[in-house]
Amino acid sequence: MKTKTIILTLIIGLMTLSSFAQVDDQTKYKMYCSALDNNSTAPNYVVVTVKNLKTGEKKEICTEAPFLIGAVDRQTGNSTKHPDCKENKNRYFEFSRDSALWNISFDLYTRTDLEKFAKTFDVAKIVQQVKNAEKLNLTFESNKEQVMFAHLMFNNGVMMSRGCVAGNICELTYFKSK
């Protein structure tokens, strides 16, 4: 009986994690570069790994690309040195300043929050709808839900941008590697 429980737990764990990373790291890297290059008033979300140097906590988070740039500025004190995707292919950042961590909403949600949220809808179905150009805009009631949704979409190859007029209206596009 113990073996069946372990196998079932492993299968459920793999099913949960499948919502988190459907595209390869190279595609995520290209999406990250594209988001950093987007200078419009409708910024893209990016998923990066961040380490809080004060606590040692390291986690994958989602934030708007300009907020990541702002966090680097706050950490370094140099507003002219922005993250360069060619210099940071692993999308990994370390911050010790509270203002940098706040800028990217480091504590907005946990991995457990993200896993629970992922179970509330069919990620694969939404990704397929975006690929088929059936689902291109969404509205969210909370910033936390919006960012967690963007996190799941990014890891599944969907770029999400926040609307420039109303920040709770987001546009989805399937990323096509050039």
Protein backbone atom coordinates (compact mmCIF):
# COMPACT_ATOMS: atom_id res chain seq x y z
CA MET A 1 0.00 0.00 0.00
CA LYS A 2 2.86 2.37 0.80
CA THR A 3 4.34 1.92 -2.70
CA LYS A 4 0.99 2.81 -4.34
CA THR A 5 0.74 5.95 -2.21
CA ILE A 6 4.25 7.04 -3.14
CA ILE A 7 3.61 6.43 -6.85
CA LEU A 8 0.28 8.28 -6.72
CA THR A 9 1.90 11.19 -4.89
CA LEU A 10 4.68 11.27 -7.49
CA ILE A 11 2.16 11.26 -10.36
CA ILE A 12 0.09 14.04 -8.76
CA GLY A 13 3.27 16.02 -8.15
CA LEU A 14 4.31 15.64 -11.78
CA MET A 15 0.84 16.66 -12.95
CA THR A 16 1.01 19.77 -10.78
CA LEU A 17 4.48 20.67 -11.96
CA SER A 18 3.49 20.13 -15.60
CA SER A 19 1.54 23.39 -15.36
CA PHE A 20 4.75 25.18 -14.47
CA ALA A 21 7.18 24.45 -17.27
CA GLN A 22 5.98 23.33 -20.65
CA VAL A 23 8.56 25.17 -22.74
CA ASP A 24 12.30 24.69 -22.70
CA ASP A 25 14.76 27.06 -21.06
CA GLN A 26 15.96 28.41 -24.41
CA THR A 27 12.43 29.54 -25.29
CA LYS A 28 12.00 31.12 -21.85
CA TYR A 29 15.32 32.91 -22.35
CA LYS A 30 14.14 34.31 -25.70
CA MET A 31 10.85 35.38 -24.12
CA TYR A 32 12.81 37.10 -21.34
CA CYS A 33 14.94 38.97 -23.90
CA SER A 34 11.84 39.99 -25.85
CA ALA A 35 10.19 41.30 -22.67
CA LEU A 36 13.28 43.33 -21.70
CA ASP A 37 13.33 44.84 -25.20
CA ASN A 38 9.66 45.87 -24.98
CA ASN A 39 9.71 49.58 -24.17
CA SER A 40 5.99 50.15 -24.69
CA THR A 41 3.49 51.32 -22.08
CA ALA A 42 2.09 47.76 -22.09
CA PRO A 43 4.97 45.85 -20.51
CA ASN A 44 5.48 42.10 -20.62
CA TYR A 45 5.80 39.84 -17.61
CA VAL A 46 8.95 37.78 -17.08
CA VAL A 47 9.72 34.79 -14.90
CA VAL A 48 13.09 34.89 -13.17
CA THR A 49 14.78 33.23 -10.22
CA VAL A 50 15.58 35.61 -7.40
CA LYS A 51 17.57 35.13 -4.23
CA ASN A 52 16.91 37.34 -1.22
CA LEU A 53 20.45 37.79 0.09
CA LYS A 54 19.18 38.80 3.56
CA THR A 55 17.21 35.60 4.17
CA GLY A 56 18.80 33.19 1.71
CA GLU A 57 15.38 32.43 0.21
CA LYS A 58 15.56 31.66 -3.50
CA LYS A 59 12.48 31.27 -5.67
CA GLU A 60 11.06 31.62 -9.13
CA ILE A 61 8.90 34.72 -9.40
CA CYS A 62 7.01 36.62 -12.05
CA THR A 63 7.17 40.39 -12.42
CA GLU A 64 6.82 43.01 -15.11
CA ALA A 65 10.06 43.53 -17.05
CA PRO A 66 10.29 47.24 -16.12
CA PHE A 67 9.92 46.32 -12.43
CA LEU A 68 12.86 43.93 -12.77
CA ILE A 69 14.89 46.71 -14.38
CA GLY A 70 13.88 48.99 -11.52
CA ALA A 71 14.92 46.41 -8.94
CA VAL A 72 18.38 46.12 -10.53
CA ASP A 73 18.60 49.94 -10.50
CA ARG A 74 17.65 50.01 -6.81
CA GLN A 75 20.13 47.26 -5.93
CA THR A 76 23.08 48.74 -7.82
CA GLY A 77 22.26 52.43 -7.45
CA ASN A 78 23.04 52.74 -11.15
CA SER A 79 19.99 53.67 -13.23
CA THR A 80 21.94 53.37 -16.48
CA LYS A 81 22.97 49.71 -16.01
CA HIS A 82 19.93 47.63 -16.92
CA PRO A 83 19.75 43.83 -17.08
CA ASP A 84 21.15 42.62 -20.38
CA CYS A 85 19.65 39.33 -21.47
CA LYS A 86 22.92 38.32 -23.16
CA GLU A 87 24.77 38.73 -19.85
CA ASN A 88 22.10 36.93 -17.85
CA LYS A 89 21.06 33.85 -19.78
CA ASN A 90 20.02 31.97 -16.64
CA ARG A 91 17.55 34.74 -15.61
CA TYR A 92 18.95 34.69 -12.05
CA PHE A 93 19.17 37.74 -9.78
CA GLU A 94 20.30 38.40 -6.23
CA PHE A 95 18.97 41.31 -4.19
CA SER A 96 19.71 42.44 -0.65
CA ARG A 97 17.93 45.80 -0.65
CA ASP A 98 14.31 45.81 0.51
CA SER A 99 13.43 48.41 -2.12
CA ALA A 100 14.66 46.08 -4.88
CA LEU A 101 12.68 43.13 -3.50
CA TRP A 102 9.56 45.27 -3.09
CA ASN A 103 9.92 46.54 -6.65
CA ILE A 104 9.47 42.99 -7.99
CA SER A 105 6.88 41.97 -5.35
CA PHE A 106 9.14 39.17 -4.12
CA ASP A 107 6.70 38.19 -1.35
CA LEU A 108 3.46 38.50 -3.35
CA TYR A 109 2.90 34.72 -3.55
CA THR A 110 4.51 31.41 -2.68
CA ARG A 111 5.09 28.29 -4.72
CA THR A 112 2.18 26.72 -2.81
CA ASP A 113 -0.08 29.65 -3.77
CA LEU A 114 0.93 29.16 -7.40
CA GLU A 115 0.29 25.40 -7.29
CA LYS A 116 -3.18 25.94 -5.78
CA PHE A 117 -3.99 28.64 -8.32
CA ALA A 118 -2.87 26.39 -11.21
CA LYS A 119 -5.50 23.84 -10.18
CA THR A 120 -8.35 26.33 -10.65
CA PHE A 121 -8.28 26.21 -14.46
CA ASP A 122 -6.93 24.17 -17.37
CA VAL A 123 -3.57 25.74 -18.26
CA ALA A 124 -3.08 23.55 -21.35
CA LYS A 125 -6.51 24.50 -22.71
CA ILE A 126 -5.81 28.22 -22.31
CA VAL A 127 -2.40 27.88 -23.98
CA GLN A 128 -4.05 26.07 -26.89
CA GLN A 129 -6.70 28.80 -27.16
CA VAL A 130 -3.94 31.42 -27.31
CA LYS A 131 -2.10 29.40 -29.98
CA ASN A 132 -5.34 29.30 -31.97
CA ALA A 133 -5.90 33.05 -31.37
CA GLU A 134 -9.15 32.28 -29.54
CA LYS A 135 -8.23 33.81 -26.18
CA LEU A 136 -6.22 36.99 -26.40
CA ASN A 137 -7.42 39.23 -23.54
CA LEU A 138 -8.20 38.61 -19.88
CA THR A 139 -9.24 40.74 -16.94
CA PHE A 140 -8.25 40.03 -13.33
CA GLU A 141 -9.71 41.14 -10.04
CA SER A 142 -6.46 41.08 -8.08
CA ASN A 143 -2.83 41.81 -8.84
CA LYS A 144 -1.81 38.54 -7.17
CA GLU A 145 -4.00 36.45 -9.51
CA GLN A 146 -2.81 38.43 -12.51
CA VAL A 147 0.87 37.87 -11.69
CA MET A 148 0.40 34.17 -10.89
CA PHE A 149 -1.50 33.70 -14.16
CA ALA A 150 1.32 35.47 -16.03
CA HIS A 151 3.81 33.15 -14.28
CA LEU A 152 1.98 30.04 -15.50
CA MET A 153 1.57 31.43 -19.00
CA PHE A 154 5.24 32.43 -19.31
CA ASN A 155 6.35 28.94 -18.34
CA ASN A 156 4.04 27.57 -21.02
CA GLY A 157 5.29 29.80 -23.84
CA VAL A 158 2.68 32.56 -23.64
CA MET A 159 3.75 36.18 -23.37
CA MET A 160 1.43 38.30 -21.27
CA SER A 161 1.41 42.07 -21.27
CA ARG A 162 -0.40 44.40 -18.91
CA GLY A 163 -2.69 46.85 -20.61
CA CYS A 164 -1.43 50.41 -20.73
CA VAL A 165 -4.85 52.03 -20.16
CA ALA A 166 -6.34 49.69 -17.56
CA GLY A 167 -3.72 47.64 -15.76
CA ASN A 168 -6.06 44.76 -15.05
CA ILE A 169 -6.69 43.97 -18.75
CA CYS A 170 -3.97 41.73 -20.12
CA GLU A 171 -3.12 40.58 -23.61
CA LEU A 172 -1.85 37.08 -24.35
CA THR A 173 0.26 36.05 -27.32
CA TYR A 174 1.93 32.73 -28.00
CA PHE A 175 5.67 33.25 -28.30
CA LYS A 176 7.10 32.28 -31.65
CA SER A 177 10.85 31.93 -31.61
CA LYS A 178 12.61 33.77 -34.41
